[in-house]
Amino acid sequence: MKFRFTHHAEYRVFIERNISAEAIKETIRTPDTVTALPDGVIKCSKKLEAGMLTVVYCKDKNTYIIITAYFK
């Protein structure tokens, strides 16, 4: 399983929101909820110690392309 972050995600997730890559990977691997959005985009959420983490991504073959992530 490969993970790639868009430039938007790198800035917003790591710099502004201080969310770890491991928390994002865990949410994608074992989500509590999954919602399919238009154009092949997927939104998944998982309850973590810091709160409910939502990750928005799309998949290209064996690579998960992270668009954004945020805590609710």
PDB file of N, CA and C in Angstrom:
ATOM      1  N   MET A   1       0.843  -1.172   0.000  1.00  0.00           N
ATOM      2  CA  MET A   1       0.000   0.000   0.000  1.00  0.00           C
ATOM      3  C   MET A   1       0.895   1.244   0.000  1.00  0.00           C
ATOM      4  N   LYS A   2       0.801   2.039  -1.045  1.00  0.00           N
ATOM      5  CA  LYS A   2       1.593   3.268  -1.135  1.00  0.00           C
ATOM      6  C   LYS A   2       0.685   4.467  -0.873  1.00  0.00           C
ATOM      7  N   PHE A   3       1.261   5.498  -0.275  1.00  0.00           N
ATOM      8  CA  PHE A   3       0.521   6.719   0.021  1.00  0.00           C
ATOM      9  C   PHE A   3       1.265   7.902  -0.583  1.00  0.00           C
ATOM     10  N   ARG A   4       0.507   8.780  -1.252  1.00  0.00           N
ATOM     11  CA  ARG A   4       1.081   9.999  -1.816  1.00  0.00           C
ATOM     12  C   ARG A   4       0.182  11.149  -1.403  1.00  0.00           C
ATOM     13  N   PHE A   5       0.793  12.257  -1.041  1.00  0.00           N
ATOM     14  CA  PHE A   5       0.054  13.437  -0.597  1.00  0.00           C
ATOM     15  C   PHE A   5       0.124  14.525  -1.659  1.00  0.00           C
ATOM     16  N   THR A   6      -1.025  15.128  -1.969  1.00  0.00           N
ATOM     17  CA  THR A   6      -1.009  16.272  -2.876  1.00  0.00           C
ATOM     18  C   THR A   6      -0.290  17.423  -2.175  1.00  0.00           C
ATOM     19  N   HIS A   7       0.119  18.428  -2.926  1.00  0.00           N
ATOM     20  CA  HIS A   7       0.781  19.595  -2.321  1.00  0.00           C
ATOM     21  C   HIS A   7      -0.159  20.265  -1.321  1.00  0.00           C
ATOM     22  N   HIS A   8      -1.424  20.348  -1.672  1.00  0.00           N
ATOM     23  CA  HIS A   8      -2.422  20.923  -0.765  1.00  0.00           C
ATOM     24  C   HIS A   8      -2.453  20.139   0.549  1.00  0.00           C
ATOM     25  N   ALA A   9      -2.497  18.821   0.442  1.00  0.00           N
ATOM     26  CA  ALA A   9      -2.558  17.985   1.641  1.00  0.00           C
ATOM     27  C   ALA A   9      -1.299  18.131   2.485  1.00  0.00           C
ATOM     28  N   GLU A  10      -0.146  18.143   1.851  1.00  0.00           N
ATOM     29  CA  GLU A  10       1.103  18.282   2.609  1.00  0.00           C
ATOM     30  C   GLU A  10       1.094  19.547   3.453  1.00  0.00           C
ATOM     31  N   TYR A  11       0.694  20.642   2.847  1.00  0.00           N
ATOM     32  CA  TYR A  11       0.692  21.914   3.570  1.00  0.00           C
ATOM     33  C   TYR A  11      -0.388  21.935   4.652  1.00  0.00           C
ATOM     34  N   ARG A  12      -1.629  21.666   4.267  1.00  0.00           N
ATOM     35  CA  ARG A  12      -2.748  21.776   5.203  1.00  0.00           C
ATOM     36  C   ARG A  12      -2.669  20.749   6.327  1.00  0.00           C
ATOM     37  N   VAL A  13      -2.356  19.516   5.984  1.00  0.00           N
ATOM     38  CA  VAL A  13      -2.380  18.432   6.959  1.00  0.00           C
ATOM     39  C   VAL A  13      -1.182  18.473   7.894  1.00  0.00           C
ATOM     40  N   PHE A  14       0.013  18.589   7.344  1.00  0.00           N
ATOM     41  CA  PHE A  14       1.211  18.513   8.175  1.00  0.00           C
ATOM     42  C   PHE A  14       1.569  19.838   8.836  1.00  0.00           C
ATOM     43  N   ILE A  15       1.451  20.932   8.113  1.00  0.00           N
ATOM     44  CA  ILE A  15       1.879  22.229   8.650  1.00  0.00           C
ATOM     45  C   ILE A  15       0.771  22.916   9.430  1.00  0.00           C
ATOM     46  N   GLU A  16      -0.388  23.102   8.821  1.00  0.00           N
ATOM     47  CA  GLU A  16      -1.466  23.828   9.491  1.00  0.00           C
ATOM     48  C   GLU A  16      -2.178  23.010  10.558  1.00  0.00           C
ATOM     49  N   ARG A  17      -2.428  21.737  10.259  1.00  0.00           N
ATOM     50  CA  ARG A  17      -3.267  20.930  11.158  1.00  0.00           C
ATOM     51  C   ARG A  17      -2.473  19.953  12.024  1.00  0.00           C
ATOM     52  N   ASN A  18      -1.207  19.788  11.743  1.00  0.00           N
ATOM     53  CA  ASN A  18      -0.315  18.946  12.539  1.00  0.00           C
ATOM     54  C   ASN A  18      -0.862  17.522  12.724  1.00  0.00           C
ATOM     55  N   ILE A  19      -1.318  16.924  11.633  1.00  0.00           N
ATOM     56  CA  ILE A  19      -1.825  15.554  11.657  1.00  0.00           C
ATOM     57  C   ILE A  19      -0.720  14.637  11.139  1.00  0.00           C
ATOM     58  N   SER A  20      -0.486  13.539  11.829  1.00  0.00           N
ATOM     59  CA  SER A  20       0.599  12.645  11.428  1.00  0.00           C
ATOM     60  C   SER A  20       0.204  11.771  10.245  1.00  0.00           C
ATOM     61  N   ALA A  21       1.205  11.409   9.468  1.00  0.00           N
ATOM     62  CA  ALA A  21       0.980  10.505   8.337  1.00  0.00           C
ATOM     63  C   ALA A  21       0.485   9.152   8.843  1.00  0.00           C
ATOM     64  N   GLU A  22       0.967   8.727   9.992  1.00  0.00           N
ATOM     65  CA  GLU A  22       0.547   7.438  10.547  1.00  0.00           C
ATOM     66  C   GLU A  22      -0.935   7.447  10.912  1.00  0.00           C
ATOM     67  N   ALA A  23      -1.441   8.549  11.458  1.00  0.00           N
ATOM     68  CA  ALA A  23      -2.871   8.654  11.781  1.00  0.00           C
ATOM     69  C   ALA A  23      -3.708   8.590  10.508  1.00  0.00           C
ATOM     70  N   ILE A  24      -3.229   9.206   9.446  1.00  0.00           N
ATOM     71  CA  ILE A  24      -3.942   9.178   8.166  1.00  0.00           C
ATOM     72  C   ILE A  24      -3.945   7.761   7.594  1.00  0.00           C
ATOM     73  N   LYS A  25      -2.816   7.092   7.630  1.00  0.00           N
ATOM     74  CA  LYS A  25      -2.724   5.719   7.121  1.00  0.00           C
ATOM     75  C   LYS A  25      -3.623   4.784   7.921  1.00  0.00           C
ATOM     76  N   GLU A  26      -3.634   4.935   9.224  1.00  0.00           N
ATOM     77  CA  GLU A  26      -4.482   4.102  10.083  1.00  0.00           C
ATOM     78  C   GLU A  26      -5.959   4.310   9.754  1.00  0.00           C
ATOM     79  N   THR A  27      -6.336   5.554   9.498  1.00  0.00           N
ATOM     80  CA  THR A  27      -7.725   5.856   9.163  1.00  0.00           C
ATOM     81  C   THR A  27      -8.126   5.221   7.839  1.00  0.00           C
ATOM     82  N   ILE A  28      -7.237   5.229   6.870  1.00  0.00           N
ATOM     83  CA  ILE A  28      -7.530   4.605   5.575  1.00  0.00           C
ATOM     84  C   ILE A  28      -7.563   3.081   5.702  1.00  0.00           C
ATOM     85  N   ARG A  29      -6.639   2.514   6.456  1.00  0.00           N
ATOM     86  CA  ARG A  29      -6.563   1.053   6.597  1.00  0.00           C
ATOM     87  C   ARG A  29      -7.744   0.479   7.373  1.00  0.00           C
ATOM     88  N   THR A  30      -8.152   1.161   8.447  1.00  0.00           N
ATOM     89  CA  THR A  30      -9.212   0.624   9.316  1.00  0.00           C
ATOM     90  C   THR A  30     -10.217   1.724   9.679  1.00  0.00           C
ATOM     91  N   PRO A  31     -10.977   2.198   8.702  1.00  0.00           N
ATOM     92  CA  PRO A  31     -11.922   3.288   8.975  1.00  0.00           C
ATOM     93  C   PRO A  31     -13.153   2.808   9.747  1.00  0.00           C
ATOM     94  N   ASP A  32     -13.774   3.747  10.453  1.00  0.00           N
ATOM     95  CA  ASP A  32     -15.063   3.480  11.098  1.00  0.00           C
ATOM     96  C   ASP A  32     -16.191   3.682  10.094  1.00  0.00           C
ATOM     97  N   THR A  33     -16.043   4.676   9.214  1.00  0.00           N
ATOM     98  CA  THR A  33     -17.040   4.942   8.178  1.00  0.00           C
ATOM     99  C   THR A  33     -16.336   5.234   6.862  1.00  0.00           C
ATOM    100  N   VAL A  34     -17.009   4.891   5.758  1.00  0.00           N
ATOM    101  CA  VAL A  34     -16.489   5.161   4.412  1.00  0.00           C
ATOM    102  C   VAL A  34     -17.643   5.676   3.562  1.00  0.00           C
ATOM    103  N   THR A  35     -17.392   6.776   2.837  1.00  0.00           N
ATOM    104  CA  THR A  35     -18.399   7.353   1.947  1.00  0.00           C
ATOM    105  C   THR A  35     -17.774   7.559   0.576  1.00  0.00           C
ATOM    106  N   ALA A  36     -18.422   7.019  -0.449  1.00  0.00           N
ATOM    107  CA  ALA A  36     -17.961   7.232  -1.827  1.00  0.00           C
ATOM    108  C   ALA A  36     -18.523   8.556  -2.326  1.00  0.00           C
ATOM    109  N   LEU A  37     -17.651   9.398  -2.843  1.00  0.00           N
ATOM    110  CA  LEU A  37     -18.026  10.695  -3.390  1.00  0.00           C
ATOM    111  C   LEU A  37     -17.894  10.649  -4.911  1.00  0.00           C
ATOM    112  N   PRO A  38     -18.377  11.662  -5.615  1.00  0.00           N
ATOM    113  CA  PRO A  38     -18.236  11.674  -7.084  1.00  0.00           C
ATOM    114  C   PRO A  38     -16.772  11.622  -7.539  1.00  0.00           C
ATOM    115  N   ASP A  39     -16.583  11.189  -8.760  1.00  0.00           N
ATOM    116  CA  ASP A  39     -15.266  11.153  -9.419  1.00  0.00           C
ATOM    117  C   ASP A  39     -14.264  10.225  -8.737  1.00  0.00           C
ATOM    118  N   GLY A  40     -14.734   9.187  -8.067  1.00  0.00           N
ATOM    119  CA  GLY A  40     -13.835   8.215  -7.457  1.00  0.00           C
ATOM    120  C   GLY A  40     -13.178   8.654  -6.171  1.00  0.00           C
ATOM    121  N   VAL A  41     -13.652   9.733  -5.604  1.00  0.00           N
ATOM    122  CA  VAL A  41     -13.098  10.239  -4.344  1.00  0.00           C
ATOM    123  C   VAL A  41     -13.766   9.505  -3.184  1.00  0.00           C
ATOM    124  N   ILE A  42     -12.984   9.202  -2.164  1.00  0.00           N
ATOM    125  CA  ILE A  42     -13.483   8.481  -0.993  1.00  0.00           C
ATOM    126  C   ILE A  42     -13.219   9.315   0.253  1.00  0.00           C
ATOM    127  N   LYS A  43     -14.208   9.348   1.148  1.00  0.00           N
ATOM    128  CA  LYS A  43     -14.061  10.034   2.439  1.00  0.00           C
ATOM    129  C   LYS A  43     -14.239   8.988   3.521  1.00  0.00           C
ATOM    130  N   CYS A  44     -13.245   8.871   4.394  1.00  0.00           N
ATOM    131  CA  CYS A  44     -13.358   7.910   5.486  1.00  0.00           C
ATOM    132  C   CYS A  44     -13.045   8.613   6.801  1.00  0.00           C
ATOM    133  N   SER A  45     -13.587   8.080   7.872  1.00  0.00           N
ATOM    134  CA  SER A  45     -13.391   8.669   9.193  1.00  0.00           C
ATOM    135  C   SER A  45     -13.088   7.577  10.202  1.00  0.00           C
ATOM    136  N   LYS A  46     -12.346   7.982  11.240  1.00  0.00           N
ATOM    137  CA  LYS A  46     -12.001   7.061  12.322  1.00  0.00           C
ATOM    138  C   LYS A  46     -11.855   7.851  13.613  1.00  0.00           C
ATOM    139  N   LYS A  47     -12.399   7.288  14.686  1.00  0.00           N
ATOM    140  CA  LYS A  47     -12.268   7.900  16.010  1.00  0.00           C
ATOM    141  C   LYS A  47     -10.891   7.564  16.559  1.00  0.00           C
ATOM    142  N   LEU A  48     -10.090   8.593  16.805  1.00  0.00           N
ATOM    143  CA  LEU A  48      -8.763   8.441  17.387  1.00  0.00           C
ATOM    144  C   LEU A  48      -8.740   9.172  18.725  1.00  0.00           C
ATOM    145  N   GLU A  49      -7.648   9.056  19.459  1.00  0.00           N
ATOM    146  CA  GLU A  49      -7.531   9.741  20.752  1.00  0.00           C
ATOM    147  C   GLU A  49      -7.722  11.248  20.624  1.00  0.00           C
ATOM    148  N   ALA A  50      -7.226  11.826  19.540  1.00  0.00           N
ATOM    149  CA  ALA A  50      -7.299  13.283  19.346  1.00  0.00           C
ATOM    150  C   ALA A  50      -8.659  13.746  18.837  1.00  0.00           C
ATOM    151  N   GLY A  51      -9.526  12.804  18.446  1.00  0.00           N
ATOM    152  CA  GLY A  51     -10.840  13.162  17.922  1.00  0.00           C
ATOM    153  C   GLY A  51     -11.174  12.352  16.683  1.00  0.00           C
ATOM    154  N   MET A  52     -12.224  12.755  15.994  1.00  0.00           N
ATOM    155  CA  MET A  52     -12.655  12.066  14.773  1.00  0.00           C
ATOM    156  C   MET A  52     -11.850  12.596  13.596  1.00  0.00           C
ATOM    157  N   LEU A  53     -11.020  11.733  13.014  1.00  0.00           N
ATOM    158  CA  LEU A  53     -10.196  12.126  11.872  1.00  0.00           C
ATOM    159  C   LEU A  53     -10.904  11.728  10.587  1.00  0.00           C
ATOM    160  N   THR A  54     -11.038  12.682   9.680  1.00  0.00           N
ATOM    161  CA  THR A  54     -11.616  12.431   8.366  1.00  0.00           C
ATOM    162  C   THR A  54     -10.522  12.594   7.321  1.00  0.00           C
ATOM    163  N   VAL A  55     -10.429  11.636   6.402  1.00  0.00           N
ATOM    164  CA  VAL A  55      -9.436  11.664   5.335  1.00  0.00           C
ATOM    165  C   VAL A  55     -10.179  11.576   4.002  1.00  0.00           C
ATOM    166  N   VAL A  56      -9.811  12.450   3.075  1.00  0.00           N
ATOM    167  CA  VAL A  56     -10.388  12.441   1.739  1.00  0.00           C
ATOM    168  C   VAL A  56      -9.263  12.050   0.775  1.00  0.00           C
ATOM    169  N   TYR A  57      -9.530  11.011  -0.033  1.00  0.00           N
ATOM    170  CA  TYR A  57      -8.487  10.503  -0.924  1.00  0.00           C
ATOM    171  C   TYR A  57      -9.099   9.871  -2.161  1.00  0.00           C
ATOM    172  N   CYS A  58      -8.247   9.556  -3.115  1.00  0.00           N
ATOM    173  CA  CYS A  58      -8.649   8.741  -4.256  1.00  0.00           C
ATOM    174  C   CYS A  58      -7.574   7.679  -4.430  1.00  0.00           C
ATOM    175  N   LYS A  59      -7.896   6.645  -5.169  1.00  0.00           N
ATOM    176  CA  LYS A  59      -6.957   5.543  -5.339  1.00  0.00           C
ATOM    177  C   LYS A  59      -6.610   5.388  -6.810  1.00  0.00           C
ATOM    178  N   ASP A  60      -5.322   5.253  -7.087  1.00  0.00           N
ATOM    179  CA  ASP A  60      -4.823   5.033  -8.440  1.00  0.00           C
ATOM    180  C   ASP A  60      -3.982   3.762  -8.418  1.00  0.00           C
ATOM    181  N   LYS A  61      -4.554   2.658  -8.886  1.00  0.00           N
ATOM    182  CA  LYS A  61      -3.918   1.335  -8.833  1.00  0.00           C
ATOM    183  C   LYS A  61      -3.585   0.988  -7.384  1.00  0.00           C
ATOM    184  N   ASN A  62      -2.310   0.946  -7.015  1.00  0.00           N
ATOM    185  CA  ASN A  62      -1.909   0.582  -5.651  1.00  0.00           C
ATOM    186  C   ASN A  62      -1.512   1.783  -4.808  1.00  0.00           C
ATOM    187  N   THR A  63      -1.849   2.984  -5.248  1.00  0.00           N
ATOM    188  CA  THR A  63      -1.451   4.197  -4.531  1.00  0.00           C
ATOM    189  C   THR A  63      -2.675   4.964  -4.045  1.00  0.00           C
ATOM    190  N   TYR A  64      -2.653   5.310  -2.780  1.00  0.00           N
ATOM    191  CA  TYR A  64      -3.685   6.163  -2.198  1.00  0.00           C
ATOM    192  C   TYR A  64      -3.196   7.603  -2.285  1.00  0.00           C
ATOM    193  N   ILE A  65      -3.954   8.450  -2.949  1.00  0.00           N
ATOM    194  CA  ILE A  65      -3.579   9.850  -3.124  1.00  0.00           C
ATOM    195  C   ILE A  65      -4.413  10.661  -2.129  1.00  0.00           C
ATOM    196  N   ILE A  66      -3.735  11.191  -1.115  1.00  0.00           N
ATOM    197  CA  ILE A  66      -4.412  11.922  -0.056  1.00  0.00           C
ATOM    198  C   ILE A  66      -4.671  13.349  -0.520  1.00  0.00           C
ATOM    199  N   ILE A  67      -5.944  13.754  -0.484  1.00  0.00           N
ATOM    200  CA  ILE A  67      -6.336  15.104  -0.908  1.00  0.00           C
ATOM    201  C   ILE A  67      -6.338  16.047   0.279  1.00  0.00           C
ATOM    202  N   THR A  68      -6.931  15.615   1.388  1.00  0.00           N
ATOM    203  CA  THR A  68      -6.934  16.407   2.617  1.00  0.00           C
ATOM    204  C   THR A  68      -7.301  15.530   3.789  1.00  0.00           C
ATOM    205  N   ALA A  69      -7.100  16.039   4.985  1.00  0.00           N
ATOM    206  CA  ALA A  69      -7.493  15.354   6.218  1.00  0.00           C
ATOM    207  C   ALA A  69      -7.720  16.409   7.286  1.00  0.00           C
ATOM    208  N   TYR A  70      -8.663  16.124   8.175  1.00  0.00           N
ATOM    209  CA  TYR A  70      -8.981  17.092   9.232  1.00  0.00           C
ATOM    210  C   TYR A  70      -9.675  16.394  10.400  1.00  0.00           C
ATOM    211  N   PHE A  71      -9.541  17.000  11.573  1.00  0.00           N
ATOM    212  CA  PHE A  71     -10.253  16.527  12.762  1.00  0.00           C
ATOM    213  C   PHE A  71     -11.553  17.292  12.886  1.00  0.00           C
ATOM    214  N   LYS A  72     -12.594  16.609  13.285  1.00  0.00           N
ATOM    215  CA  LYS A  72     -13.883  17.261  13.543  1.00  0.00           C
ATOM    216  C   LYS A  72     -13.993  17.567  15.012  1.00  0.00           C
TER     217      LYS A  72
END
